[in-house]
Each structure stands twice: as C-alpha cells, then as structure tokens.
Amino acid sequence: METKLAEFIKDTPQGREADSILRTCVHCGFCNATCPTYQLLGDELDGPRGRIYLIKQMLEGAQPTAKTQLHLDRCLTCRACETTCPSGVRYGRLADIGRDLVEKRVQRNFIDSVKRATLRTVFTHPALFNPLLGLGRLVRPLLPEKTRRKIPLAARPAAWPATRHARKMLLLEGCVQPALAPGINAAAARVLDKLGISLLTARGCCGAIPYHMNAQEEGLNRMRRNIDHWWPSIEQGAEALVITASGCGAMVKEYGHLLKDDPAYAEKARRVTAIAKDIVEIAAAEKDKISALASGSKNRRTKTAVHSPCTLQHALKLGGVVEKLLADCGFELTGVPDSHLCCGSAGTYSILQPELSQKLLANKIKALTSGTPNQILTANIGCLAHMQSATELPVKHWIEALEELL
C-alpha cells in the first residue's frame, strides 16, 4: 500500500512503525473473512481493511471524527485478521497507534470518559475491585437473573505447595483473576510442583486494560513498575515468568517492543519478554512427564470442549497446543466450529460494546456446546467469566482440569 504520511507524524517512532505496517498491506480483503465484527455488521469500516484505510487517512492528514472513533472502538483487537493475512500485516499494533491518535484528537462525551476511567481504575486495582466484587456477591440473590449470572460465586482459597525445588519460576498473579477464580494460579503451582518446578508469585497488572483503552502512557507506566518489581527475582535466576491468563501473556510479550525506545527500560523489557511464557508453553515442554503422570491416573476424563482465546491463538500463536496436550492425556475433545472467532469478552469490550459482545457470546456458546460436552475449558480469565454467564456447563481454566486429572 502506497503511503504519504503527514508532517506531524512521519518522523516519529509511531509514524515510522505505522508506515512500515501500512506498506505491507495489499488490501486483498482476506482479513474480512475472519473478522468477527465484519461478520456481524457487514460494514467495510467494521472490518480490518476498512479500519486500516481510516487510520491511513488520519496519518496522511485527514481529521478523525466520532465516526472514526466508533469504528475503531468496535474492533475487538482479536487479531484473527493477523492469522489470516497472507502479507503479515501487524494490524494489532496499527490499531493501537490509530486509537491513540484518535483519542488525542476526538473528544469523548462526559459519560463515556467517566465510564472508561472507572473501568481502568477498578479493574486494575484489587483494593477497589475485590470489595466491589464482594458487595456484588452479597446482593447477588436479589439481582435479576441476567445480572446475577455475571457475578461468579466465591471460591474457596486453594492450597499452594511449598517452595522446595531448585527450578523456580515467577507466576504473574494478575488483577481480577485472584478474586474471580483463585483456583487457577494455585492449580498451576500444584501441577508444576509435580513437575519439579516451584512457582513464586509476582504481583502486578500487566497494563493491557489501560493500554488498549487508549490510556497508553498509563499502561506503559504499569509495565515499568512491573519490571522494577520483578527484576530482583529475575536477577536471582527465575527461569521464567509464567502467565495463566493468555490476555496478560499477550501484553507482557509486547513489553520489549513497546519499551524499546525507553533507555532506562529497553534492555530489561527485552529480558522480561524473553522469559515470559504462557503456562501451556511450560506444560508442553514437560509433556512427557505429564503424560506419565496422566497414564497412572484413575480420575475420569470428562468430555470436553476447548475454547482457544484470541490472545492464545492469534497473539501468542499457540493455537492447538492446549488441545493436543489434553488429548494426549486422554481427554475426549469435542469439535468446535469457527473456533477462530472471538467470544466477545476482549477485556472491557463486553461492557463498552454489550450488544455486539452478546451476539458473539451466543455464537460462541452455540459452537462450543454443539458437540454436547460436559465442560468447557479455556485459557483466559476474561473469556472464562464471560462464557460462564451464558451457560450452565462448568467453564474452567484447562490447567485446573489437568490438575484434577493428575
């Protein structure tokens, strides 16, 4: 694609990156075939190719409007288009650049601004989120069924194994996951303990929520604070930074790129990115030990549908790895049509774009239950909570199901 960027942007790091991405696009339109919002709305501007043109026009000097903002807001950033694209267009990065510029040049209304600021604040601060979740659970029986289903019941604190192995890894706790589903990280710790690996907790918000809600400097500052917090353990020889929420993993894997121009953090960020691993990467590397443990288990293998989150299959490029690991352990996996499509959670998308999100959720639940499974397994806490609100089947993280088997 030919470009002619405007003077205000062309010689900036953002401009050079955007220009490089735009020039790889051949506007073939293959991306629209796998774009969830284009499939629902049928509007060229609600597909990747149309959004790329909107961003290109802005970078070439056109004034963005509220309509530009709307079409970019409707994007899930699921990155299915990147998996489909034959030219390797890094659409996710281009969308982040475009949204940042629009946010600075198009004024949101007061209610929308307050809503976004509230979400960024509450979801990323456990000291705020946890009491509010507790209050929601307290009044849950009094709420309408549709609202009640969105508030998960409290789970019992799960046992965490003692630190006893020479091999040690850090585990990112995350923001909302410890309150919504405390069993996930504990299950990961118990599985890795059986594999001879001790997990040490690392606190911190990965920065994805503020960064993808166009408060990018806020997100970058969170990344810097995380690096400062994790660095002593990394220097002491932590083998990896393990992440059980694929959405967080996709963000942490970007630290090296996003902070590459920060002289104080560039090298440390590259190191963090290098050791960041989704839990399935660790498990896959230890598959022989897991298979041996599973072969001796008498626990029942439940008929299972696996939901592969967008961040796992499109951002981290780990599609199919969970499925193979579970299948090798004897789980009976059901087929999932259109498994590349988003469930509609997408961070705060389900709150900010509820109508589109609910349509995507209904389609995803229909696909996941088409093979009559007894449970649904996923790899991301946001997807888990979102899907559980729409089905009576248990929805769990796959590491919990694996731990129950072992």
Protein backbone atom coordinates (compact mmCIF):
# COMPACT_ATOMS: atom_id res chain seq x y z
CA MET A 1 0.00 0.00 0.00
CA GLU A 2 1.40 3.41 -1.00
CA THR A 3 1.58 5.96 1.81
CA LYS A 4 2.32 9.66 2.23
CA LEU A 5 2.29 10.40 5.93
CA ALA A 6 1.66 13.92 7.17
CA GLU A 7 4.47 16.03 8.64
CA PHE A 8 3.13 15.76 12.22
CA ILE A 9 3.69 12.02 12.35
CA LYS A 10 6.05 10.78 9.64
CA ASP A 11 9.35 11.25 11.50
CA THR A 12 8.13 9.95 14.86
CA PRO A 13 8.59 6.37 16.15
CA GLN A 14 4.82 5.86 15.83
CA GLY A 15 4.79 7.21 12.30
CA ARG A 16 7.69 5.08 11.12
CA GLU A 17 6.15 1.95 12.60
CA ALA A 18 2.72 2.71 11.16
CA ASP A 19 4.20 3.44 7.74
CA SER A 20 6.05 0.12 7.76
CA ILE A 21 2.86 -1.75 8.66
CA LEU A 22 0.71 0.05 6.09
CA ARG A 23 3.19 -0.72 3.30
CA THR A 24 2.83 -4.47 3.91
CA CYS A 25 -0.94 -4.35 3.30
CA VAL A 26 -2.06 -5.26 -0.23
CA HIS A 27 -5.76 -4.53 0.55
CA CYS A 28 -6.76 -8.05 -0.55
CA GLY A 29 -9.62 -8.28 1.95
CA PHE A 30 -8.86 -11.81 3.18
CA CYS A 31 -8.92 -10.35 6.69
CA ASN A 32 -12.62 -9.53 6.49
CA ALA A 33 -13.43 -13.23 6.11
CA THR A 34 -12.33 -13.92 9.69
CA CYS A 35 -13.22 -10.61 11.34
CA PRO A 36 -15.99 -11.10 13.94
CA THR A 37 -17.39 -7.57 13.70
CA TYR A 38 -17.42 -7.59 9.90
CA GLN A 39 -19.29 -10.90 10.00
CA LEU A 40 -21.93 -9.36 12.27
CA LEU A 41 -22.26 -5.90 10.74
CA GLY A 42 -21.25 -6.35 7.10
CA ASP A 43 -19.76 -2.84 7.05
CA GLU A 44 -16.39 -2.42 5.35
CA LEU A 45 -15.39 0.10 8.02
CA ASP A 46 -16.06 -2.52 10.71
CA GLY A 47 -13.51 -4.88 9.18
CA PRO A 48 -9.70 -4.71 9.27
CA ARG A 49 -9.28 -3.41 5.73
CA GLY A 50 -11.70 -0.55 6.32
CA ARG A 51 -10.16 0.34 9.65
CA ILE A 52 -6.71 0.32 8.05
CA TYR A 53 -7.95 2.87 5.50
CA LEU A 54 -9.39 5.04 8.28
CA ILE A 55 -6.06 5.01 10.11
CA LYS A 56 -4.14 5.64 6.88
CA GLN A 57 -6.29 8.68 6.07
CA MET A 58 -5.70 10.11 9.53
CA LEU A 59 -1.96 9.55 9.31
CA GLU A 60 -1.95 11.32 5.96
CA GLY A 61 -3.56 14.40 7.48
CA ALA A 62 -7.33 13.82 7.46
CA GLN A 63 -9.18 14.94 10.58
CA PRO A 64 -10.61 11.94 12.50
CA THR A 65 -14.22 12.15 13.60
CA ALA A 66 -16.51 10.49 16.11
CA LYS A 67 -17.35 8.01 13.34
CA THR A 68 -13.66 7.10 13.02
CA GLN A 69 -13.55 6.57 16.76
CA LEU A 70 -16.68 4.40 16.71
CA HIS A 71 -15.32 2.01 14.08
CA LEU A 72 -12.02 1.65 15.94
CA ASP A 73 -13.85 1.19 19.26
CA ARG A 74 -15.88 -1.64 17.74
CA CYS A 75 -12.69 -3.56 16.93
CA LEU A 76 -12.13 -6.40 19.40
CA THR A 77 -8.38 -6.45 18.69
CA CYS A 78 -8.81 -10.22 18.49
CA ARG A 79 -6.13 -10.28 15.78
CA ALA A 80 -7.79 -13.08 13.82
CA CYS A 81 -7.02 -10.94 10.79
CA GLU A 82 -3.29 -11.31 11.52
CA THR A 83 -3.59 -15.09 11.42
CA THR A 84 -5.44 -14.85 8.11
CA CYS A 85 -3.35 -12.16 6.42
CA PRO A 86 -1.05 -13.56 3.71
CA SER A 87 1.17 -10.44 3.91
CA GLY A 88 1.80 -10.49 7.65
CA VAL A 89 0.21 -7.12 8.40
CA ARG A 90 0.61 -6.33 12.13
CA TYR A 91 -2.88 -4.97 12.46
CA GLY A 92 -2.94 -5.01 16.27
CA ARG A 93 -0.06 -2.56 16.51
CA LEU A 94 -1.55 -0.34 13.81
CA ALA A 95 -4.88 -0.29 15.65
CA ASP A 96 -3.13 0.77 18.87
CA ILE A 97 -1.36 3.60 17.06
CA GLY A 98 -4.56 4.72 15.34
CA ARG A 99 -6.63 4.63 18.52
CA ASP A 100 -4.03 6.64 20.41
CA LEU A 101 -4.10 9.38 17.80
CA VAL A 102 -7.90 9.44 17.63
CA GLU A 103 -8.16 9.63 21.41
CA LYS A 104 -6.00 12.75 21.41
CA ARG A 105 -7.94 14.45 18.62
CA VAL A 106 -11.59 13.46 19.17
CA GLN A 107 -13.29 14.46 22.41
CA ARG A 108 -15.40 11.77 24.03
CA ASN A 109 -18.61 12.73 25.80
CA PHE A 110 -18.52 13.05 29.57
CA ILE A 111 -20.34 9.79 30.36
CA ASP A 112 -18.13 7.71 28.07
CA SER A 113 -14.99 9.28 29.51
CA VAL A 114 -16.07 8.62 33.09
CA LYS A 115 -17.06 5.03 32.27
CA ARG A 116 -13.68 4.30 30.72
CA ALA A 117 -11.74 5.93 33.53
CA THR A 118 -13.77 3.96 36.08
CA LEU A 119 -13.14 0.65 34.34
CA ARG A 120 -9.41 1.35 34.07
CA THR A 121 -9.26 2.21 37.75
CA VAL A 122 -11.44 -0.51 39.26
CA PHE A 123 -10.27 -3.49 37.20
CA THR A 124 -6.57 -2.76 37.68
CA HIS A 125 -6.67 -2.13 41.44
CA PRO A 126 -7.55 -5.20 43.54
CA ALA A 127 -8.06 -2.93 46.56
CA LEU A 128 -11.07 -1.50 44.70
CA PHE A 129 -12.18 -4.49 42.64
CA ASN A 130 -12.20 -7.08 45.41
CA PRO A 131 -14.55 -5.20 47.81
CA LEU A 132 -16.89 -4.33 44.94
CA LEU A 133 -16.97 -7.96 43.85
CA GLY A 134 -17.69 -8.95 47.45
CA LEU A 135 -20.58 -6.48 47.58
CA GLY A 136 -21.92 -7.87 44.31
CA ARG A 137 -21.80 -11.39 45.71
CA LEU A 138 -23.62 -10.22 48.83
CA VAL A 139 -26.58 -8.80 46.89
CA ARG A 140 -26.42 -11.43 44.13
CA PRO A 141 -29.59 -13.29 45.22
CA LEU A 142 -31.59 -10.06 44.89
CA LEU A 143 -30.48 -9.25 41.36
CA PRO A 144 -32.21 -10.10 38.05
CA GLU A 145 -31.03 -13.42 36.62
CA LYS A 146 -29.17 -11.82 33.70
CA THR A 147 -27.15 -9.64 36.07
CA ARG A 148 -26.76 -12.37 38.67
CA ARG A 149 -25.12 -14.71 36.18
CA LYS A 150 -22.36 -12.16 35.57
CA ILE A 151 -21.26 -12.28 39.22
CA PRO A 152 -19.38 -15.51 39.97
CA LEU A 153 -19.82 -17.22 43.31
CA ALA A 154 -16.95 -17.07 45.76
CA ALA A 155 -14.43 -19.91 45.57
CA ARG A 156 -12.54 -21.41 48.46
CA PRO A 157 -8.86 -20.43 48.75
CA ALA A 158 -6.79 -23.15 47.15
CA ALA A 159 -3.71 -24.81 48.65
CA TRP A 160 -0.35 -23.59 47.36
CA PRO A 161 2.60 -26.00 47.51
CA ALA A 162 5.72 -25.14 49.50
CA THR A 163 8.75 -23.79 47.65
CA ARG A 164 11.01 -26.85 47.54
CA HIS A 165 12.55 -27.25 44.07
CA ALA A 166 15.79 -25.97 42.57
CA ARG A 167 13.90 -24.89 39.46
CA LYS A 168 11.97 -21.71 40.23
CA MET A 169 9.69 -19.57 38.10
CA LEU A 170 7.67 -16.43 38.72
CA LEU A 171 3.89 -16.51 38.33
CA LEU A 172 2.05 -13.31 37.41
CA GLU A 173 -0.97 -13.10 39.73
CA GLY A 174 -2.93 -10.63 37.60
CA CYS A 175 -5.59 -8.09 38.56
CA VAL A 176 -9.02 -9.71 38.73
CA GLN A 177 -8.16 -13.40 38.44
CA PRO A 178 -7.16 -13.94 42.11
CA ALA A 179 -10.60 -12.70 43.19
CA LEU A 180 -12.70 -14.22 40.40
CA ALA A 181 -11.01 -17.62 40.21
CA PRO A 182 -8.28 -18.11 42.84
CA GLY A 183 -8.01 -21.80 41.96
CA ILE A 184 -6.33 -21.17 38.61
CA ASN A 185 -2.94 -19.98 39.82
CA ALA A 186 -2.94 -22.49 42.68
CA ALA A 187 -3.65 -25.32 40.22
CA ALA A 188 -0.77 -24.13 38.05
CA ALA A 189 1.51 -24.15 41.10
CA ARG A 190 0.45 -27.70 42.04
CA VAL A 191 0.92 -29.04 38.51
CA LEU A 192 4.37 -27.51 38.18
CA ASP A 193 5.27 -28.73 41.67
CA LYS A 194 4.66 -32.28 40.42
CA LEU A 195 6.99 -31.48 37.53
CA GLY A 196 9.78 -30.34 39.86
CA ILE A 197 9.20 -26.60 39.49
CA SER A 198 8.33 -24.15 42.27
CA LEU A 199 6.28 -21.06 41.45
CA LEU A 200 6.84 -17.76 43.23
CA THR A 201 4.09 -15.17 43.00
CA ALA A 202 4.72 -11.91 41.19
CA ARG A 203 2.15 -9.20 41.72
CA GLY A 204 1.18 -6.59 39.15
CA CYS A 205 -1.29 -5.56 36.49
CA CYS A 206 0.12 -6.36 33.06
CA GLY A 207 -1.07 -2.99 31.70
CA ALA A 208 -3.32 -4.38 28.96
CA ILE A 209 -6.54 -2.73 30.15
CA PRO A 210 -5.27 0.87 30.24
CA TYR A 211 -3.06 0.41 27.18
CA HIS A 212 -5.83 -0.97 24.99
CA MET A 213 -8.31 1.60 26.32
CA ASN A 214 -6.13 4.35 24.82
CA ALA A 215 -4.53 5.39 28.11
CA GLN A 216 -1.25 4.20 26.69
CA GLU A 217 1.14 6.14 28.91
CA GLU A 218 -0.70 4.80 31.95
CA GLY A 219 -0.25 1.29 30.57
CA LEU A 220 3.45 1.86 29.89
CA ASN A 221 3.98 3.15 33.42
CA ARG A 222 2.42 -0.03 34.79
CA MET A 223 4.82 -2.05 32.66
CA ARG A 224 7.75 -0.10 34.08
CA ARG A 225 6.57 -0.67 37.65
CA ASN A 226 6.17 -4.37 36.98
CA ILE A 227 9.69 -4.64 35.62
CA ASP A 228 11.03 -2.87 38.72
CA HIS A 229 9.08 -5.27 40.95
CA TRP A 230 10.06 -8.44 39.10
CA TRP A 231 13.67 -7.58 38.34
CA PRO A 232 15.28 -8.73 41.63
CA SER A 233 13.76 -12.20 41.20
CA ILE A 234 14.85 -12.30 37.56
CA GLU A 235 18.40 -11.37 38.55
CA GLN A 236 18.32 -14.12 41.17
CA GLY A 237 17.73 -16.69 38.45
CA ALA A 238 13.99 -17.10 37.96
CA GLU A 239 13.78 -19.37 34.95
CA ALA A 240 10.58 -17.91 33.51
CA LEU A 241 7.69 -15.55 34.13
CA VAL A 242 4.66 -17.83 33.90
CA ILE A 243 1.27 -16.39 32.98
CA THR A 244 -2.04 -18.26 33.29
CA ALA A 245 -4.19 -15.61 31.57
CA SER A 246 -3.42 -15.52 27.86
CA GLY A 247 -4.62 -11.91 27.65
CA CYS A 248 -1.93 -10.88 30.14
CA GLY A 249 0.60 -13.06 28.36
CA ALA A 250 -0.03 -11.35 25.04
CA MET A 251 0.61 -7.99 26.69
CA VAL A 252 3.77 -8.99 28.58
CA LYS A 253 5.18 -10.46 25.36
CA GLU A 254 4.94 -6.93 23.92
CA TYR A 255 6.98 -5.24 26.68
CA GLY A 256 10.23 -5.46 24.73
CA HIS A 257 8.69 -3.80 21.69
CA LEU A 258 6.65 -1.16 23.49
CA LEU A 259 9.56 -0.01 25.67
CA LYS A 260 12.29 -0.34 23.06
CA ASP A 261 12.77 3.44 22.86
CA ASP A 262 12.98 3.88 26.65
CA PRO A 263 16.71 3.89 27.50
CA ALA A 264 16.05 3.10 31.16
CA TYR A 265 13.86 0.05 30.48
CA ALA A 266 14.56 -1.20 26.94
CA GLU A 267 17.04 -3.93 27.89
CA LYS A 268 15.10 -5.07 30.95
CA ALA A 269 11.87 -5.15 28.93
CA ARG A 270 13.52 -7.34 26.30
CA ARG A 271 14.60 -9.72 29.05
CA VAL A 272 11.09 -9.88 30.52
CA THR A 273 9.63 -10.59 27.09
CA ALA A 274 12.20 -13.33 26.52
CA ILE A 275 11.30 -15.23 29.71
CA ALA A 276 7.52 -14.62 29.62
CA LYS A 277 5.70 -17.91 29.00
CA ASP A 278 2.07 -18.90 28.88
CA ILE A 279 1.50 -21.82 31.21
CA VAL A 280 0.84 -24.10 28.23
CA GLU A 281 4.37 -23.44 26.94
CA ILE A 282 5.77 -24.75 30.21
CA ALA A 283 3.42 -27.72 30.23
CA ALA A 284 4.16 -28.59 26.60
CA ALA A 285 7.89 -28.57 27.33
CA GLU A 286 7.22 -31.10 30.12
CA LYS A 287 4.70 -33.17 28.15
CA ASP A 288 6.48 -36.49 28.71
CA LYS A 289 6.34 -36.09 32.49
CA ILE A 290 2.70 -35.02 32.29
CA SER A 291 1.80 -37.97 30.08
CA ALA A 292 3.48 -40.33 32.55
CA LEU A 293 1.53 -38.84 35.46
CA ALA A 294 -1.71 -38.93 33.47
CA SER A 295 -1.24 -42.54 32.41
CA GLY A 296 -1.22 -43.61 36.03
CA SER A 297 -4.30 -41.59 36.96
CA LYS A 298 -7.62 -43.28 37.62
CA ASN A 299 -9.51 -39.99 37.55
CA ARG A 300 -12.23 -39.68 34.94
CA ARG A 301 -11.56 -37.86 31.66
CA THR A 302 -14.54 -35.59 31.09
CA LYS A 303 -15.95 -34.97 27.61
CA THR A 304 -14.59 -31.50 26.91
CA ALA A 305 -14.88 -28.53 24.56
CA VAL A 306 -11.78 -26.35 24.45
CA HIS A 307 -12.11 -22.63 23.81
CA SER A 308 -8.87 -21.18 22.47
CA PRO A 309 -8.86 -17.45 23.37
CA CYS A 310 -7.93 -14.99 20.66
CA THR A 311 -4.88 -13.94 22.65
CA LEU A 312 -3.68 -17.54 22.78
CA GLN A 313 -4.21 -18.48 19.14
CA HIS A 314 -3.79 -15.17 17.29
CA ALA A 315 -1.47 -13.09 19.50
CA LEU A 316 0.69 -15.79 21.11
CA LYS A 317 0.38 -18.17 18.13
CA LEU A 318 -0.28 -21.14 20.43
CA GLY A 319 -3.48 -22.36 18.83
CA GLY A 320 -3.94 -26.11 19.17
CA VAL A 321 -1.26 -26.60 21.85
CA VAL A 322 -3.73 -26.91 24.74
CA GLU A 323 -5.92 -29.24 22.70
CA LYS A 324 -3.00 -31.55 21.86
CA LEU A 325 -1.80 -31.65 25.46
CA LEU A 326 -5.26 -32.56 26.76
CA ALA A 327 -5.88 -35.09 24.02
CA ASP A 328 -2.56 -36.79 24.80
CA CYS A 329 -3.71 -37.03 28.42
CA GLY A 330 -6.86 -38.87 27.36
CA PHE A 331 -9.49 -36.12 27.33
CA GLU A 332 -12.28 -36.66 24.81
CA LEU A 333 -12.38 -33.35 22.94
CA THR A 334 -15.46 -32.29 21.01
CA GLY A 335 -15.35 -30.32 17.77
CA VAL A 336 -15.78 -26.53 17.92
CA PRO A 337 -16.96 -24.87 14.67
CA ASP A 338 -15.48 -21.45 13.84
CA SER A 339 -13.00 -21.79 16.68
CA HIS A 340 -11.05 -18.79 15.36
CA LEU A 341 -13.88 -16.36 16.23
CA CYS A 342 -13.89 -14.26 19.41
CA CYS A 343 -16.22 -14.96 22.34
CA GLY A 344 -16.85 -11.21 22.75
CA SER A 345 -15.10 -10.70 26.09
CA ALA A 346 -11.99 -8.85 24.83
CA GLY A 347 -11.04 -7.12 28.07
CA THR A 348 -13.62 -4.39 28.70
CA TYR A 349 -15.33 -4.86 25.32
CA SER A 350 -18.25 -6.78 26.85
CA ILE A 351 -19.06 -3.70 28.95
CA LEU A 352 -18.36 -0.99 26.40
CA GLN A 353 -19.92 -2.80 23.40
CA PRO A 354 -22.55 -5.02 25.08
CA GLU A 355 -24.80 -5.61 22.06
CA LEU A 356 -22.03 -6.87 19.79
CA SER A 357 -20.42 -8.76 22.66
CA GLN A 358 -23.62 -10.66 23.49
CA LYS A 359 -24.12 -11.69 19.85
CA LEU A 360 -20.58 -13.02 19.70
CA LEU A 361 -21.07 -14.79 23.03
CA ALA A 362 -24.26 -16.51 21.86
CA ASN A 363 -22.49 -17.72 18.71
CA LYS A 364 -19.51 -18.97 20.70
CA ILE A 365 -21.60 -20.88 23.24
CA LYS A 366 -23.59 -22.47 20.41
CA ALA A 367 -20.35 -23.59 18.76
CA LEU A 368 -18.79 -24.87 21.99
CA THR A 369 -21.87 -26.87 23.02
CA SER A 370 -22.55 -28.31 19.57
CA GLY A 371 -20.65 -31.48 20.48
CA THR A 372 -22.53 -31.91 23.79
CA PRO A 373 -19.51 -31.61 26.11
CA ASN A 374 -19.72 -31.90 29.88
CA GLN A 375 -17.40 -28.96 30.46
CA ILE A 376 -15.74 -26.04 28.66
CA LEU A 377 -12.06 -25.27 29.17
CA THR A 378 -10.32 -22.03 28.28
CA ALA A 379 -7.04 -20.21 28.90
CA ASN A 380 -8.08 -16.69 29.84
CA ILE A 381 -9.98 -15.40 32.87
CA GLY A 382 -11.97 -12.78 30.94
CA CYS A 383 -13.23 -15.36 28.47
CA LEU A 384 -13.98 -17.76 31.33
CA ALA A 385 -16.16 -15.30 33.25
CA HIS A 386 -17.87 -14.09 30.08
CA MET A 387 -18.77 -17.57 28.87
CA GLN A 388 -19.84 -18.81 32.28
CA SER A 389 -22.51 -16.10 32.31
CA ALA A 390 -24.18 -17.73 29.31
CA THR A 391 -24.10 -21.46 30.05
CA GLU A 392 -24.93 -23.90 32.81
CA LEU A 393 -21.95 -26.06 31.88
CA PRO A 394 -18.90 -25.56 34.10
CA VAL A 395 -16.31 -23.30 32.47
CA LYS A 396 -12.80 -23.72 33.85
CA HIS A 397 -9.20 -22.99 33.04
CA TRP A 398 -7.62 -26.00 31.35
CA ILE A 399 -4.84 -26.14 33.97
CA GLU A 400 -7.50 -26.82 36.64
CA ALA A 401 -8.87 -29.76 34.65
CA LEU A 402 -5.37 -31.11 34.11
CA GLU A 403 -4.55 -30.78 37.82
CA GLU A 404 -7.71 -32.70 38.73
CA LEU A 405 -6.60 -35.49 36.41
CA LEU A 406 -3.05 -35.71 37.77
